[in-house]
């Protein structure tokens, strides 16, 4: 485990940490389409969901995870 990871874990044990970055820009770089935002859970939703980035935690968690890892690596 790297020193940076150890420091992060110590801080997480003591307080809430906030990641800040261009989340929307990072999501756009994945060029997701309507299907990606819908997933199975929202397949029959009556309105367009593309651009509702909050849904990606449920429908494309691997994208959100990858973005967070990229922020931590930076």
N, C-alpha and C. Protein backbone atom coordinates (compact mmCIF):
# COMPACT_ATOMS: atom_id res chain seq x y z
N UNK A 1 0.84 -1.18 0.00
CA UNK A 1 0.00 0.00 0.00
C UNK A 1 0.89 1.24 0.00
N UNK A 2 0.57 2.16 -0.86
CA UNK A 2 1.40 3.35 -0.97
C UNK A 2 1.13 4.30 0.19
N UNK A 3 2.08 5.18 0.41
CA UNK A 3 1.95 6.18 1.46
C UNK A 3 0.72 7.06 1.22
N UNK A 4 0.46 7.38 -0.04
CA UNK A 4 -0.69 8.22 -0.37
C UNK A 4 -2.01 7.53 0.01
N UNK A 5 -2.10 6.24 -0.26
CA UNK A 5 -3.30 5.48 0.09
C UNK A 5 -3.46 5.41 1.60
N UNK A 6 -2.38 5.20 2.30
CA UNK A 6 -2.43 5.17 3.76
C UNK A 6 -2.91 6.51 4.32
N UNK A 7 -2.41 7.60 3.78
CA UNK A 7 -2.84 8.92 4.23
C UNK A 7 -4.33 9.12 3.96
N UNK A 8 -4.77 8.69 2.80
CA UNK A 8 -6.18 8.82 2.46
C UNK A 8 -7.05 8.02 3.42
N UNK A 9 -6.65 6.81 3.71
CA UNK A 9 -7.42 5.98 4.64
C UNK A 9 -7.49 6.59 6.03
N UNK A 10 -6.38 7.15 6.49
CA UNK A 10 -6.38 7.81 7.80
C UNK A 10 -7.35 8.99 7.82
N UNK A 11 -7.32 9.76 6.75
CA UNK A 11 -8.23 10.91 6.67
C UNK A 11 -9.69 10.46 6.60
N UNK A 12 -9.96 9.41 5.84
CA UNK A 12 -11.33 8.89 5.73
C UNK A 12 -11.85 8.39 7.07
N UNK A 13 -10.97 7.87 7.89
CA UNK A 13 -11.38 7.39 9.22
C UNK A 13 -11.74 8.55 10.15
N UNK A 14 -11.24 9.74 9.85
CA UNK A 14 -11.43 10.88 10.74
C UNK A 14 -12.50 11.86 10.26
N UNK A 15 -12.77 11.91 8.97
CA UNK A 15 -13.67 12.94 8.45
C UNK A 15 -14.26 12.54 7.11
N UNK A 16 -15.22 13.31 6.68
CA UNK A 16 -15.79 13.13 5.35
C UNK A 16 -14.90 13.87 4.36
N UNK A 17 -14.53 13.21 3.29
CA UNK A 17 -13.72 13.83 2.26
C UNK A 17 -14.57 14.05 1.01
N UNK A 18 -14.28 15.11 0.31
CA UNK A 18 -15.01 15.46 -0.90
C UNK A 18 -14.06 15.42 -2.09
N UNK A 19 -14.44 14.65 -3.11
CA UNK A 19 -13.69 14.66 -4.36
C UNK A 19 -14.24 15.78 -5.22
N UNK A 20 -13.38 16.56 -5.79
CA UNK A 20 -13.83 17.67 -6.62
C UNK A 20 -13.11 17.60 -7.96
N UNK A 21 -13.88 17.70 -8.99
CA UNK A 21 -13.29 17.69 -10.32
C UNK A 21 -14.37 17.89 -11.36
N UNK A 22 -13.98 17.84 -12.59
CA UNK A 22 -14.91 18.03 -13.69
C UNK A 22 -15.66 16.74 -13.99
N UNK A 23 -16.54 16.34 -13.09
CA UNK A 23 -17.24 15.06 -13.23
C UNK A 23 -18.02 15.00 -14.54
N UNK A 24 -18.76 16.05 -14.85
CA UNK A 24 -19.54 16.05 -16.09
C UNK A 24 -18.67 15.90 -17.32
N UNK A 25 -17.54 16.58 -17.32
CA UNK A 25 -16.61 16.49 -18.44
C UNK A 25 -16.05 15.08 -18.57
N UNK A 26 -15.72 14.49 -17.44
CA UNK A 26 -15.20 13.12 -17.47
C UNK A 26 -16.26 12.15 -17.98
N UNK A 27 -17.49 12.31 -17.52
CA UNK A 27 -18.58 11.44 -17.99
C UNK A 27 -18.76 11.61 -19.50
N UNK A 28 -18.72 12.83 -19.99
CA UNK A 28 -18.88 13.08 -21.43
C UNK A 28 -17.81 12.38 -22.24
N UNK A 29 -16.62 12.24 -21.67
CA UNK A 29 -15.54 11.60 -22.42
C UNK A 29 -15.83 10.12 -22.71
N UNK A 30 -16.78 9.53 -21.99
CA UNK A 30 -17.16 8.14 -22.23
C UNK A 30 -18.17 8.00 -23.37
N UNK A 31 -18.70 9.11 -23.85
CA UNK A 31 -19.65 9.13 -24.96
C UNK A 31 -20.80 8.13 -24.75
N UNK A 32 -21.42 8.22 -23.60
CA UNK A 32 -22.51 7.32 -23.26
C UNK A 32 -23.77 7.70 -24.04
N UNK A 33 -24.59 6.70 -24.34
CA UNK A 33 -25.84 6.98 -25.04
C UNK A 33 -27.03 6.74 -24.12
N UNK A 34 -28.20 6.92 -24.65
CA UNK A 34 -29.44 6.79 -23.87
C UNK A 34 -29.52 5.44 -23.16
N UNK A 35 -29.12 4.37 -23.84
CA UNK A 35 -29.16 3.03 -23.23
C UNK A 35 -28.31 2.95 -21.98
N UNK A 36 -27.16 3.61 -22.01
CA UNK A 36 -26.26 3.59 -20.86
C UNK A 36 -26.90 4.25 -19.64
N UNK A 37 -27.61 5.33 -19.87
CA UNK A 37 -28.26 6.03 -18.76
C UNK A 37 -29.47 5.25 -18.24
N UNK A 38 -30.15 4.52 -19.11
CA UNK A 38 -31.33 3.76 -18.72
C UNK A 38 -30.98 2.46 -18.00
N UNK A 39 -30.02 1.73 -18.54
CA UNK A 39 -29.74 0.41 -17.99
C UNK A 39 -31.02 -0.43 -18.00
N UNK A 40 -31.03 -1.52 -17.27
CA UNK A 40 -32.23 -2.34 -17.16
C UNK A 40 -33.26 -1.70 -16.25
N UNK A 41 -32.76 -1.05 -15.22
CA UNK A 41 -33.63 -0.50 -14.19
C UNK A 41 -34.60 0.56 -14.73
N UNK A 42 -34.14 1.37 -15.66
CA UNK A 42 -34.96 2.46 -16.19
C UNK A 42 -35.30 2.27 -17.67
N UNK A 43 -35.28 1.03 -18.13
CA UNK A 43 -35.50 0.74 -19.55
C UNK A 43 -36.83 1.28 -20.06
N UNK A 44 -37.86 1.27 -19.25
CA UNK A 44 -39.19 1.69 -19.68
C UNK A 44 -39.57 3.08 -19.20
N UNK A 45 -38.61 3.85 -18.74
CA UNK A 45 -38.90 5.21 -18.26
C UNK A 45 -39.45 6.04 -19.41
N UNK A 46 -40.43 6.87 -19.13
CA UNK A 46 -41.16 7.57 -20.19
C UNK A 46 -40.43 8.76 -20.80
N UNK A 47 -39.45 9.30 -20.14
CA UNK A 47 -38.75 10.46 -20.70
C UNK A 47 -37.28 10.13 -20.93
N UNK A 48 -36.62 10.96 -21.72
CA UNK A 48 -35.20 10.78 -21.98
C UNK A 48 -34.40 10.91 -20.69
N UNK A 49 -33.38 10.09 -20.55
CA UNK A 49 -32.55 10.12 -19.35
C UNK A 49 -31.11 10.50 -19.64
N UNK A 50 -30.74 10.54 -20.90
CA UNK A 50 -29.36 10.91 -21.25
C UNK A 50 -29.03 12.28 -20.67
N UNK A 51 -27.91 12.36 -19.98
CA UNK A 51 -27.50 13.61 -19.35
C UNK A 51 -27.82 13.65 -17.87
N UNK A 52 -28.65 12.72 -17.38
CA UNK A 52 -28.95 12.64 -15.95
C UNK A 52 -27.83 11.83 -15.30
N UNK A 53 -26.72 12.50 -15.07
CA UNK A 53 -25.50 11.83 -14.63
C UNK A 53 -25.65 11.10 -13.30
N UNK A 54 -26.55 11.55 -12.45
CA UNK A 54 -26.74 10.88 -11.16
C UNK A 54 -27.18 9.43 -11.33
N UNK A 55 -27.90 9.13 -12.39
CA UNK A 55 -28.37 7.76 -12.62
C UNK A 55 -27.23 6.78 -12.88
N UNK A 56 -26.11 7.29 -13.33
CA UNK A 56 -25.00 6.40 -13.70
C UNK A 56 -24.45 5.63 -12.51
N UNK A 57 -24.66 6.11 -11.32
CA UNK A 57 -24.26 5.35 -10.13
C UNK A 57 -24.99 4.01 -10.11
N UNK A 58 -26.22 4.01 -10.62
CA UNK A 58 -27.04 2.79 -10.65
C UNK A 58 -26.89 2.01 -11.96
N UNK A 59 -26.76 2.72 -13.07
CA UNK A 59 -26.78 2.04 -14.37
C UNK A 59 -25.40 1.77 -14.96
N UNK A 60 -24.41 2.54 -14.58
CA UNK A 60 -23.04 2.36 -15.07
C UNK A 60 -22.04 2.62 -13.94
N UNK A 61 -22.14 1.87 -12.86
CA UNK A 61 -21.26 2.13 -11.72
C UNK A 61 -19.78 2.00 -12.07
N UNK A 62 -19.46 1.18 -13.06
CA UNK A 62 -18.06 1.00 -13.43
C UNK A 62 -17.47 2.29 -14.01
N UNK A 63 -18.29 3.10 -14.67
CA UNK A 63 -17.83 4.38 -15.20
C UNK A 63 -17.52 5.35 -14.06
N UNK A 64 -18.43 5.43 -13.11
CA UNK A 64 -18.24 6.33 -11.97
C UNK A 64 -17.02 5.90 -11.15
N UNK A 65 -16.88 4.60 -10.95
CA UNK A 65 -15.72 4.08 -10.22
C UNK A 65 -14.42 4.43 -10.94
N UNK A 66 -14.39 4.25 -12.25
CA UNK A 66 -13.19 4.55 -13.03
C UNK A 66 -12.82 6.03 -12.94
N UNK A 67 -13.82 6.89 -12.96
CA UNK A 67 -13.57 8.33 -12.85
C UNK A 67 -13.00 8.67 -11.48
N UNK A 68 -13.56 8.09 -10.44
CA UNK A 68 -13.04 8.35 -9.09
C UNK A 68 -11.61 7.84 -8.95
N UNK A 69 -11.33 6.68 -9.50
CA UNK A 69 -9.95 6.18 -9.46
C UNK A 69 -9.00 7.12 -10.20
N UNK A 70 -9.46 7.65 -11.33
CA UNK A 70 -8.62 8.58 -12.10
C UNK A 70 -8.32 9.83 -11.28
N UNK A 71 -9.31 10.33 -10.55
CA UNK A 71 -9.08 11.50 -9.69
C UNK A 71 -8.06 11.18 -8.60
N UNK A 72 -8.19 10.01 -8.01
CA UNK A 72 -7.27 9.64 -6.94
C UNK A 72 -5.85 9.43 -7.45
N UNK A 73 -5.74 8.96 -8.68
CA UNK A 73 -4.42 8.75 -9.27
C UNK A 73 -3.73 10.06 -9.65
N UNK A 74 -4.54 11.07 -9.92
CA UNK A 74 -4.00 12.36 -10.40
C UNK A 74 -3.17 13.07 -9.35
